[in-house]
C-alpha cells in the first residue's frame, strides 16, 4: 500500500472503515522470512504516522498472513532468451525461466474469506515457520554448501556441479547427518523425501542455475541458512561432527570468481578435504 492509498484512507477513521467495507488482506509472495509479520509492521507503522485511528482499525481487522514460496528461477541467458522468442514468435522483454517444482505455503488467515487456493496447489498451515526451516536448512543451505567448492573446481552451473559424484555425496551427507536428525518437520512432511527432491531439483539440466548467482552475498546468506545447524552440531558434538558444514567455511573465503581446472583440483586441498568429509557414507547418493 503506497502513499496515495494511505492518503485516500486518511479521512476520519478511514474511507473504507467509514463506508463499512471489510478490511483488506495483504498476501505476500516473496522469499522474505516472516513476510506477513514484516508487511504488517511496515503498514501499521506508516498508517500510525498518518492517522492513529486508521492504524488501530487496520491492526484489529486487516490480515497479513505469512507465506513461504519455493521455486528455483535462475537468470535468463541469451540463449534461453532467443529460444523463448522463437517459441513465442515475439520478443519478450522480460522472459522468466523456472523449474517444474513449485511450493507455496500460506497461513489460513484472511480478513474477508479467500478463493480456493488449495485447488491450485497451495498448502495451508498454522506453522509456516516450520516449512521455512526445512527449506532454509536443507535446500538453501545445500545450495550454499555446493556453490563455493564447485566454483573452485571450475564449474559454472548447479547441475554441472551435481554431476560430480563427490559434490553430490557431500550434499547428501550434509542433509542426512548434519540436518535431518536435528530438524522437526511440519506434519506430513518426510525429510528423507525432501532430501531426494532437493538433489533431483539441483541436478535438473534444464534449469542450469548459475553458481555465481547462488554464491552471491554469502556473508549475509550463510548465517541465515547455516547458523542453526552449526550451533546444534557444536552444542551436541563439539567439533567431531561438523566436517560437512566446515567445508563451507573453508571454501567460502576463497575468491569465488577465480577457478581452476577440474584436473588440478583432483589433487588440491579442497577436493581432498571434501573426500574426507563426504567419503565415509558412500551409500548416500
C-alpha atoms as a PDB file:
ATOM      1  CA  UNK A   1       0.000   0.000   0.000  1.00  0.00           C
ATOM      2  CA  UNK A   2       1.628   3.238  -1.151  1.00  0.00           C
ATOM      3  CA  UNK A   3       1.349   6.852  -0.069  1.00  0.00           C
ATOM      4  CA  UNK A   4      -1.596   7.586  -2.405  1.00  0.00           C
ATOM      5  CA  UNK A   5      -3.652   4.729  -0.964  1.00  0.00           C
ATOM      6  CA  UNK A   6      -2.948   5.892   2.560  1.00  0.00           C
ATOM      7  CA  UNK A   7      -3.889   9.427   1.576  1.00  0.00           C
ATOM      8  CA  UNK A   8      -7.259   8.170   0.328  1.00  0.00           C
ATOM      9  CA  UNK A   9      -7.806   6.294   3.597  1.00  0.00           C
ATOM     10  CA  UNK A  10      -6.767   9.242   5.712  1.00  0.00           C
ATOM     11  CA  UNK A  11     -10.260  10.686   6.133  1.00  0.00           C
ATOM     12  CA  UNK A  12     -11.515  10.430   9.745  1.00  0.00           C
ATOM     13  CA  UNK A  13     -11.371   6.730  10.605  1.00  0.00           C
ATOM     14  CA  UNK A  14     -10.512   5.828   7.014  1.00  0.00           C
ATOM     15  CA  UNK A  15     -12.796   5.821   3.996  1.00  0.00           C
ATOM     16  CA  UNK A  16     -13.142   2.052   3.964  1.00  0.00           C
ATOM     17  CA  UNK A  17     -13.981   1.920   7.631  1.00  0.00           C
ATOM     18  CA  UNK A  18     -16.476   4.788   7.291  1.00  0.00           C
ATOM     19  CA  UNK A  19     -18.166   3.043   4.386  1.00  0.00           C
ATOM     20  CA  UNK A  20     -18.456  -0.188   6.356  1.00  0.00           C
ATOM     21  CA  UNK A  21     -16.276  -2.078   3.898  1.00  0.00           C
ATOM     22  CA  UNK A  22     -14.399  -5.179   5.077  1.00  0.00           C
ATOM     23  CA  UNK A  23     -10.718  -4.836   5.865  1.00  0.00           C
ATOM     24  CA  UNK A  24      -8.137  -5.956   3.358  1.00  0.00           C
ATOM     25  CA  UNK A  25      -5.673  -8.867   3.307  1.00  0.00           C
ATOM     26  CA  UNK A  26      -2.051  -8.240   2.364  1.00  0.00           C
ATOM     27  CA  UNK A  27      -0.860 -11.505   0.834  1.00  0.00           C
ATOM     28  CA  UNK A  28       2.913 -11.775   0.458  1.00  0.00           C
ATOM     29  CA  UNK A  29       4.541 -13.912  -2.220  1.00  0.00           C
ATOM     30  CA  UNK A  30       8.275 -13.472  -1.784  1.00  0.00           C
ATOM     31  CA  UNK A  31      11.313 -15.096  -0.183  1.00  0.00           C
ATOM     32  CA  UNK A  32      11.400 -12.862   2.877  1.00  0.00           C
ATOM     33  CA  UNK A  33      11.052 -14.820   6.100  1.00  0.00           C
ATOM     34  CA  UNK A  34       8.066 -13.847   8.240  1.00  0.00           C
ATOM     35  CA  UNK A  35       6.930 -11.737   5.285  1.00  0.00           C
ATOM     36  CA  UNK A  36       3.405 -11.260   6.631  1.00  0.00           C
ATOM     37  CA  UNK A  37       4.661 -10.065  10.011  1.00  0.00           C
ATOM     38  CA  UNK A  38       7.094  -7.728   8.238  1.00  0.00           C
ATOM     39  CA  UNK A  39       4.361  -6.335   5.983  1.00  0.00           C
ATOM     40  CA  UNK A  40       2.067  -5.825   8.974  1.00  0.00           C
ATOM     41  CA  UNK A  41       4.750  -3.891  10.857  1.00  0.00           C
ATOM     42  CA  UNK A  42       5.507  -1.693   7.820  1.00  0.00           C
ATOM     43  CA  UNK A  43       1.855  -0.914   7.052  1.00  0.00           C
ATOM     44  CA  UNK A  44       0.891  -0.208  10.657  1.00  0.00           C
ATOM     45  CA  UNK A  45       3.941   1.988  11.225  1.00  0.00           C
ATOM     46  CA  UNK A  46       3.151   4.055   8.146  1.00  0.00           C
ATOM     47  CA  UNK A  47      -0.546   4.240   8.963  1.00  0.00           C
ATOM     48  CA  UNK A  48       0.116   5.332  12.536  1.00  0.00           C
ATOM     49  CA  UNK A  49       2.258   8.201  11.278  1.00  0.00           C
ATOM     50  CA  UNK A  50      -0.786   9.423   9.318  1.00  0.00           C
ATOM     51  CA  UNK A  51      -3.803   8.510  11.432  1.00  0.00           C
ATOM     52  CA  UNK A  52      -3.735   6.636  14.733  1.00  0.00           C
ATOM     53  CA  UNK A  53      -7.393   5.608  14.415  1.00  0.00           C
ATOM     54  CA  UNK A  54      -6.740   4.173  10.969  1.00  0.00           C
ATOM     55  CA  UNK A  55      -3.746   2.237  12.252  1.00  0.00           C
ATOM     56  CA  UNK A  56      -5.828   0.797  15.088  1.00  0.00           C
ATOM     57  CA  UNK A  57      -8.565  -0.241  12.647  1.00  0.00           C
ATOM     58  CA  UNK A  58      -6.065  -1.933  10.330  1.00  0.00           C
ATOM     59  CA  UNK A  59      -4.433  -3.697  13.276  1.00  0.00           C
ATOM     60  CA  UNK A  60      -7.754  -5.010  14.514  1.00  0.00           C
ATOM     61  CA  UNK A  61      -9.338  -6.054  11.211  1.00  0.00           C
ATOM     62  CA  UNK A  62      -6.792  -6.454   8.383  1.00  0.00           C
ATOM     63  CA  UNK A  63      -4.886  -9.686   7.831  1.00  0.00           C
ATOM     64  CA  UNK A  64      -1.235 -10.242   6.956  1.00  0.00           C
ATOM     65  CA  UNK A  65      -0.709 -13.998   6.553  1.00  0.00           C
ATOM     66  CA  UNK A  66       2.859 -15.290   6.475  1.00  0.00           C
ATOM     67  CA  UNK A  67       3.829 -17.338   3.452  1.00  0.00           C
ATOM     68  CA  UNK A  68       6.705 -19.369   2.062  1.00  0.00           C
ATOM     69  CA  UNK A  69       7.428 -19.745  -1.626  1.00  0.00           C
ATOM     70  CA  UNK A  70       9.873 -22.171  -3.194  1.00  0.00           C
ATOM     71  CA  UNK A  71      10.747 -22.350  -6.862  1.00  0.00           C
ATOM     72  CA  UNK A  72      14.168 -22.044  -8.446  1.00  0.00           C
ATOM     73  CA  UNK A  73      14.052 -19.279 -11.051  1.00  0.00           C
ATOM     74  CA  UNK A  74      17.551 -18.629 -12.412  1.00  0.00           C
ATOM     75  CA  UNK A  75      18.614 -15.707 -14.530  1.00  0.00           C
ATOM     76  CA  UNK A  76      17.760 -15.967 -18.220  1.00  0.00           C
ATOM     77  CA  UNK A  77      20.703 -16.490 -20.562  1.00  0.00           C
ATOM     78  CA  UNK A  78      20.841 -15.009 -24.038  1.00  0.00           C
ATOM     79  CA  UNK A  79      20.441 -18.489 -25.496  1.00  0.00           C
ATOM     80  CA  UNK A  80      17.279 -19.047 -23.446  1.00  0.00           C
ATOM     81  CA  UNK A  81      16.011 -15.600 -24.371  1.00  0.00           C
ATOM     82  CA  UNK A  82      16.444 -16.390 -28.070  1.00  0.00           C
ATOM     83  CA  UNK A  83      14.747 -19.755 -27.633  1.00  0.00           C
ATOM     84  CA  UNK A  84      11.761 -18.190 -25.867  1.00  0.00           C
ATOM     85  CA  UNK A  85      11.429 -15.584 -28.620  1.00  0.00           C
ATOM     86  CA  UNK A  86      11.486 -18.359 -31.198  1.00  0.00           C
ATOM     87  CA  UNK A  87       8.785 -20.336 -29.393  1.00  0.00           C
ATOM     88  CA  UNK A  88       6.549 -17.296 -28.851  1.00  0.00           C
ATOM     89  CA  UNK A  89       7.142 -15.719 -32.214  1.00  0.00           C
ATOM     90  CA  UNK A  90       7.715 -12.435 -30.385  1.00  0.00           C
ATOM     91  CA  UNK A  91      10.475 -10.743 -28.432  1.00  0.00           C
ATOM     92  CA  UNK A  92       9.623 -10.920 -24.708  1.00  0.00           C
ATOM     93  CA  UNK A  93      11.423  -8.088 -22.921  1.00  0.00           C
ATOM     94  CA  UNK A  94      11.177  -9.829 -19.522  1.00  0.00           C
ATOM     95  CA  UNK A  95      11.165 -13.603 -20.023  1.00  0.00           C
ATOM     96  CA  UNK A  96      11.289 -15.886 -16.991  1.00  0.00           C
ATOM     97  CA  UNK A  97      12.584 -19.427 -16.610  1.00  0.00           C
ATOM     98  CA  UNK A  98      11.645 -21.686 -13.709  1.00  0.00           C
ATOM     99  CA  UNK A  99      11.838 -25.321 -12.676  1.00  0.00           C
ATOM    100  CA  UNK A 100       8.745 -27.596 -12.718  1.00  0.00           C
ATOM    101  CA  UNK A 101       8.703 -27.801  -8.901  1.00  0.00           C
ATOM    102  CA  UNK A 102       6.773 -25.138  -7.004  1.00  0.00           C
ATOM    103  CA  UNK A 103       5.556 -24.765  -3.428  1.00  0.00           C
ATOM    104  CA  UNK A 104       3.516 -22.052  -1.765  1.00  0.00           C
ATOM    105  CA  UNK A 105       2.654 -22.377   1.919  1.00  0.00           C
ATOM    106  CA  UNK A 106       0.182 -19.931   3.482  1.00  0.00           C
ATOM    107  CA  UNK A 107      -1.266 -19.150   6.860  1.00  0.00           C
ATOM    108  CA  UNK A 108      -5.027 -19.507   6.591  1.00  0.00           C
ATOM    109  CA  UNK A 109      -5.573 -16.019   7.981  1.00  0.00           C
ATOM    110  CA  UNK A 110      -7.722 -13.805   5.755  1.00  0.00           C
ATOM    111  CA  UNK A 111      -9.859 -10.842   6.694  1.00  0.00           C
ATOM    112  CA  UNK A 112     -12.853 -11.493   4.441  1.00  0.00           C
ATOM    113  CA  UNK A 113     -12.685 -15.005   3.055  1.00  0.00           C
ATOM    114  CA  UNK A 114     -10.456 -16.279   0.270  1.00  0.00           C
ATOM    115  CA  UNK A 115     -10.546 -18.168  -3.029  1.00  0.00           C
ATOM    116  CA  UNK A 116      -9.928 -21.914  -3.103  1.00  0.00           C
ATOM    117  CA  UNK A 117      -6.164 -21.565  -3.345  1.00  0.00           C
ATOM    118  CA  UNK A 118      -5.703 -25.177  -2.268  1.00  0.00           C
ATOM    119  CA  UNK A 119      -7.190 -26.169  -5.637  1.00  0.00           C
ATOM    120  CA  UNK A 120      -4.171 -24.516  -7.247  1.00  0.00           C
ATOM    121  CA  UNK A 121      -1.760 -26.438  -5.016  1.00  0.00           C
ATOM    122  CA  UNK A 122      -1.317 -24.043  -2.100  1.00  0.00           C
ATOM    123  CA  UNK A 123      -0.590 -25.676   1.265  1.00  0.00           C
ATOM    124  CA  UNK A 124      -2.285 -24.073   4.268  1.00  0.00           C
ATOM    125  CA  UNK A 125      -0.523 -24.311   7.607  1.00  0.00           C
ATOM    126  CA  UNK A 126      -0.606 -22.688  11.038  1.00  0.00           C
ATOM    127  CA  UNK A 127       3.182 -23.076  11.208  1.00  0.00           C
ATOM    128  CA  UNK A 128       4.730 -21.560   8.090  1.00  0.00           C
ATOM    129  CA  UNK A 129       7.974 -21.126  10.013  1.00  0.00           C
ATOM    130  CA  UNK A 130       8.424 -24.920  10.154  1.00  0.00           C
ATOM    131  CA  UNK A 131       8.327 -25.051   6.340  1.00  0.00           C
ATOM    132  CA  UNK A 132      10.765 -22.139   6.199  1.00  0.00           C
ATOM    133  CA  UNK A 133      13.143 -24.044   8.468  1.00  0.00           C
ATOM    134  CA  UNK A 134      13.088 -27.127   6.243  1.00  0.00           C
ATOM    135  CA  UNK A 135      13.666 -25.100   3.107  1.00  0.00           C
ATOM    136  CA  UNK A 136      16.338 -22.886   4.651  1.00  0.00           C
ATOM    137  CA  UNK A 137      18.352 -25.560   6.437  1.00  0.00           C
ATOM    138  CA  UNK A 138      18.129 -28.176   3.678  1.00  0.00           C
ATOM    139  CA  UNK A 139      17.629 -26.567   0.258  1.00  0.00           C
ATOM    140  CA  UNK A 140      19.141 -23.106   0.727  1.00  0.00           C
ATOM    141  CA  UNK A 141      21.949 -24.371   2.942  1.00  0.00           C
ATOM    142  CA  UNK A 142      22.814 -27.098   0.428  1.00  0.00           C
ATOM    143  CA  UNK A 143      22.851 -24.513  -2.358  1.00  0.00           C
ATOM    144  CA  UNK A 144      25.453 -22.504  -0.436  1.00  0.00           C
ATOM    145  CA  UNK A 145      27.462 -25.591   0.511  1.00  0.00           C
ATOM    146  CA  UNK A 146      27.645 -26.611  -3.152  1.00  0.00           C
ATOM    147  CA  UNK A 147      28.402 -23.243  -4.701  1.00  0.00           C
ATOM    148  CA  UNK A 148      31.784 -22.318  -3.248  1.00  0.00           C
ATOM    149  CA  UNK A 149      33.758 -25.556  -3.731  1.00  0.00           C
ATOM    150  CA  UNK A 150      32.080 -26.079  -7.114  1.00  0.00           C
ATOM    151  CA  UNK A 151      33.276 -22.679  -8.307  1.00  0.00           C
ATOM    152  CA  UNK A 152      36.788 -23.582  -7.164  1.00  0.00           C
ATOM    153  CA  UNK A 153      36.601 -26.670  -9.352  1.00  0.00           C
ATOM    154  CA  UNK A 154      35.731 -24.631 -12.424  1.00  0.00           C
ATOM    155  CA  UNK A 155      32.029 -25.468 -12.606  1.00  0.00           C
ATOM    156  CA  UNK A 156      29.602 -22.773 -13.708  1.00  0.00           C
ATOM    157  CA  UNK A 157      26.114 -24.181 -13.113  1.00  0.00           C
ATOM    158  CA  UNK A 158      24.437 -26.169 -10.349  1.00  0.00           C
ATOM    159  CA  UNK A 159      23.545 -29.233 -12.477  1.00  0.00           C
ATOM    160  CA  UNK A 160      27.090 -29.297 -13.842  1.00  0.00           C
ATOM    161  CA  UNK A 161      28.424 -29.433 -10.276  1.00  0.00           C
ATOM    162  CA  UNK A 162      25.861 -32.099  -9.331  1.00  0.00           C
ATOM    163  CA  UNK A 163      27.365 -34.427 -11.940  1.00  0.00           C
ATOM    164  CA  UNK A 164      30.475 -34.533  -9.759  1.00  0.00           C
ATOM    165  CA  UNK A 165      29.886 -37.595  -7.521  1.00  0.00           C
ATOM    166  CA  UNK A 166      31.942 -36.128  -4.691  1.00  0.00           C
ATOM    167  CA  UNK A 167      29.950 -32.885  -4.510  1.00  0.00           C
ATOM    168  CA  UNK A 168      26.635 -34.701  -4.753  1.00  0.00           C
ATOM    169  CA  UNK A 169      27.695 -37.015  -1.946  1.00  0.00           C
ATOM    170  CA  UNK A 170      28.753 -34.013   0.147  1.00  0.00           C
ATOM    171  CA  UNK A 171      25.233 -32.546  -0.067  1.00  0.00           C
ATOM    172  CA  UNK A 172      23.626 -35.896   0.638  1.00  0.00           C
ATOM    173  CA  UNK A 173      25.784 -36.484   3.706  1.00  0.00           C
ATOM    174  CA  UNK A 174      25.241 -32.920   4.939  1.00  0.00           C
ATOM    175  CA  UNK A 175      21.461 -33.261   4.864  1.00  0.00           C
ATOM    176  CA  UNK A 176      21.489 -36.838   6.170  1.00  0.00           C
ATOM    177  CA  UNK A 177      23.828 -36.337   9.120  1.00  0.00           C
ATOM    178  CA  UNK A 178      24.063 -32.616   9.892  1.00  0.00           C
ATOM    179  CA  UNK A 179      20.455 -31.530   9.377  1.00  0.00           C
ATOM    180  CA  UNK A 180      17.784 -34.224   9.353  1.00  0.00           C
ATOM    181  CA  UNK A 181      18.447 -35.673  12.843  1.00  0.00           C
ATOM    182  CA  UNK A 182      18.095 -32.217  14.379  1.00  0.00           C
ATOM    183  CA  UNK A 183      15.177 -30.772  12.415  1.00  0.00           C
ATOM    184  CA  UNK A 184      11.494 -31.173  13.259  1.00  0.00           C
ATOM    185  CA  UNK A 185       9.429 -31.255  10.051  1.00  0.00           C
ATOM    186  CA  UNK A 186       5.871 -29.993   9.650  1.00  0.00           C
ATOM    187  CA  UNK A 187       3.172 -32.675   9.951  1.00  0.00           C
ATOM    188  CA  UNK A 188       3.072 -34.907   6.890  1.00  0.00           C
ATOM    189  CA  UNK A 189       6.483 -33.840   5.557  1.00  0.00           C
ATOM    190  CA  UNK A 190       9.151 -36.530   5.092  1.00  0.00           C
ATOM    191  CA  UNK A 191      12.645 -35.082   5.410  1.00  0.00           C
ATOM    192  CA  UNK A 192      14.107 -38.087   3.597  1.00  0.00           C
ATOM    193  CA  UNK A 193      11.780 -37.494   0.652  1.00  0.00           C
ATOM    194  CA  UNK A 194      12.582 -33.774   0.764  1.00  0.00           C
ATOM    195  CA  UNK A 195      16.299 -34.571   0.634  1.00  0.00           C
ATOM    196  CA  UNK A 196      15.772 -36.671  -2.501  1.00  0.00           C
ATOM    197  CA  UNK A 197      13.727 -33.897  -4.077  1.00  0.00           C
ATOM    198  CA  UNK A 198      16.459 -31.324  -3.387  1.00  0.00           C
ATOM    199  CA  UNK A 199      19.131 -33.473  -5.052  1.00  0.00           C
ATOM    200  CA  UNK A 200      16.837 -34.111  -8.021  1.00  0.00           C
ATOM    201  CA  UNK A 201      15.995 -30.413  -8.430  1.00  0.00           C
ATOM    202  CA  UNK A 202      19.629 -29.348  -8.296  1.00  0.00           C
ATOM    203  CA  UNK A 203      20.554 -31.936 -10.940  1.00  0.00           C
ATOM    204  CA  UNK A 204      17.921 -30.731 -13.447  1.00  0.00           C
ATOM    205  CA  UNK A 205      19.936 -29.714 -16.536  1.00  0.00           C
ATOM    206  CA  UNK A 206      17.083 -27.645 -17.927  1.00  0.00           C
ATOM    207  CA  UNK A 207      17.287 -25.167 -15.050  1.00  0.00           C
ATOM    208  CA  UNK A 208      21.063 -24.566 -15.181  1.00  0.00           C
ATOM    209  CA  UNK A 209      21.122 -22.171 -12.253  1.00  0.00           C
ATOM    210  CA  UNK A 210      24.336 -20.141 -12.144  1.00  0.00           C
ATOM    211  CA  UNK A 211      26.671 -20.914  -9.239  1.00  0.00           C
ATOM    212  CA  UNK A 212      27.775 -17.289  -9.085  1.00  0.00           C
ATOM    213  CA  UNK A 213      24.154 -16.260  -8.513  1.00  0.00           C
ATOM    214  CA  UNK A 214      23.809 -18.780  -5.689  1.00  0.00           C
ATOM    215  CA  UNK A 215      27.112 -17.740  -4.119  1.00  0.00           C
ATOM    216  CA  UNK A 216      26.359 -14.017  -4.280  1.00  0.00           C
ATOM    217  CA  UNK A 217      26.149 -12.201  -0.925  1.00  0.00           C
ATOM    218  CA  UNK A 218      27.300 -15.218   1.028  1.00  0.00           C
ATOM    219  CA  UNK A 219      28.255 -13.142   4.053  1.00  0.00           C
ATOM    220  CA  UNK A 220      24.564 -12.334   4.531  1.00  0.00           C
ATOM    221  CA  UNK A 221      23.095 -15.698   3.484  1.00  0.00           C
ATOM    222  CA  UNK A 222      25.406 -18.174   5.214  1.00  0.00           C
ATOM    223  CA  UNK A 223      24.425 -17.081   8.764  1.00  0.00           C
ATOM    224  CA  UNK A 224      20.733 -17.281   7.863  1.00  0.00           C
ATOM    225  CA  UNK A 225      20.862 -20.792   6.398  1.00  0.00           C
ATOM    226  CA  UNK A 226      23.703 -22.446   8.354  1.00  0.00           C
ATOM    227  CA  UNK A 227      23.811 -20.836  11.808  1.00  0.00           C
ATOM    228  CA  UNK A 228      21.131 -23.041  13.412  1.00  0.00           C
ATOM    229  CA  UNK A 229      22.700 -26.243  12.096  1.00  0.00           C
ATOM    230  CA  UNK A 230      26.222 -25.253  13.162  1.00  0.00           C
ATOM    231  CA  UNK A 231      25.026 -24.180  16.607  1.00  0.00           C
ATOM    232  CA  UNK A 232      23.242 -27.508  17.119  1.00  0.00           C
ATOM    233  CA  UNK A 233      26.231 -29.576  15.994  1.00  0.00           C
ATOM    234  CA  UNK A 234      28.673 -27.632  18.148  1.00  0.00           C
ATOM    235  CA  UNK A 235      26.425 -27.879  21.199  1.00  0.00           C
ATOM    236  CA  UNK A 236      25.949 -31.639  20.855  1.00  0.00           C
ATOM    237  CA  UNK A 237      29.158 -32.916  19.341  1.00  0.00           C
ATOM    238  CA  UNK A 238      31.794 -30.175  19.747  1.00  0.00           C
ATOM    239  CA  UNK A 239      33.975 -30.415  16.617  1.00  0.00           C
ATOM    240  CA  UNK A 240      33.556 -34.116  15.963  1.00  0.00           C
ATOM    241  CA  UNK A 241      30.509 -33.889  13.677  1.00  0.00           C
ATOM    242  CA  UNK A 242      30.819 -30.674  11.709  1.00  0.00           C
ATOM    243  CA  UNK A 243      33.012 -31.796   8.832  1.00  0.00           C
ATOM    244  CA  UNK A 244      30.436 -31.296   6.065  1.00  0.00           C
ATOM    245  CA  UNK A 245      29.381 -27.918   7.381  1.00  0.00           C
ATOM    246  CA  UNK A 246      33.002 -26.889   7.938  1.00  0.00           C
ATOM    247  CA  UNK A 247      33.683 -27.449   4.240  1.00  0.00           C
ATOM    248  CA  UNK A 248      31.549 -24.390   3.544  1.00  0.00           C
ATOM    249  CA  UNK A 249      33.526 -22.144   5.851  1.00  0.00           C
ATOM    250  CA  UNK A 250      36.777 -23.449   4.378  1.00  0.00           C
ATOM    251  CA  UNK A 251      35.740 -22.842   0.773  1.00  0.00           C
ATOM    252  CA  UNK A 252      33.824 -19.583   1.177  1.00  0.00           C
ATOM    253  CA  UNK A 253      36.653 -17.089   1.829  1.00  0.00           C
ATOM    254  CA  UNK A 254      38.419 -18.077  -1.379  1.00  0.00           C
ATOM    255  CA  UNK A 255      37.587 -15.644  -4.222  1.00  0.00           C
ATOM    256  CA  UNK A 256      34.585 -17.194  -5.923  1.00  0.00           C
ATOM    257  CA  UNK A 257      35.388 -15.643  -9.283  1.00  0.00           C
ATOM    258  CA  UNK A 258      38.716 -17.484  -9.523  1.00  0.00           C
ATOM    259  CA  UNK A 259      38.531 -21.008 -10.845  1.00  0.00           C
ATOM    260  CA  UNK A 260      40.957 -23.793 -11.614  1.00  0.00           C
ATOM    261  CA  UNK A 261      40.694 -26.850 -13.775  1.00  0.00           C
ATOM    262  CA  UNK A 262      38.953 -29.962 -12.502  1.00  0.00           C
ATOM    263  CA  UNK A 263      42.109 -31.976 -13.204  1.00  0.00           C
ATOM    264  CA  UNK A 264      44.171 -29.728 -10.961  1.00  0.00           C
ATOM    265  CA  UNK A 265      41.526 -29.757  -8.242  1.00  0.00           C
ATOM    266  CA  UNK A 266      41.605 -33.541  -8.061  1.00  0.00           C
ATOM    267  CA  UNK A 267      44.975 -33.141  -6.361  1.00  0.00           C
ATOM    268  CA  UNK A 268      44.235 -29.931  -4.438  1.00  0.00           C
ATOM    269  CA  UNK A 269      43.331 -29.330  -0.789  1.00  0.00           C
ATOM    270  CA  UNK A 270      39.615 -28.570  -1.320  1.00  0.00           C
ATOM    271  CA  UNK A 271      38.939 -31.862  -3.073  1.00  0.00           C
ATOM    272  CA  UNK A 272      40.889 -33.905  -0.520  1.00  0.00           C
ATOM    273  CA  UNK A 273      39.010 -32.100   2.235  1.00  0.00           C
ATOM    274  CA  UNK A 274      35.620 -32.892   0.724  1.00  0.00           C
ATOM    275  CA  UNK A 275      36.617 -36.509   0.059  1.00  0.00           C
ATOM    276  CA  UNK A 276      37.479 -36.825   3.743  1.00  0.00           C
ATOM    277  CA  UNK A 277      34.255 -35.178   4.886  1.00  0.00           C
ATOM    278  CA  UNK A 278      31.827 -36.843   2.483  1.00  0.00           C
ATOM    279  CA  UNK A 279      33.517 -40.099   1.643  1.00  0.00           C
ATOM    280  CA  UNK A 280      32.651 -42.128   4.730  1.00  0.00           C
ATOM    281  CA  UNK A 281      28.999 -42.521   3.720  1.00  0.00           C
ATOM    282  CA  UNK A 282      29.364 -43.934   0.245  1.00  0.00           C
ATOM    283  CA  UNK A 283      25.761 -45.123   0.046  1.00  0.00           C
ATOM    284  CA  UNK A 284      24.347 -41.591   0.337  1.00  0.00           C
ATOM    285  CA  UNK A 285      23.613 -40.696  -3.259  1.00  0.00           C
END
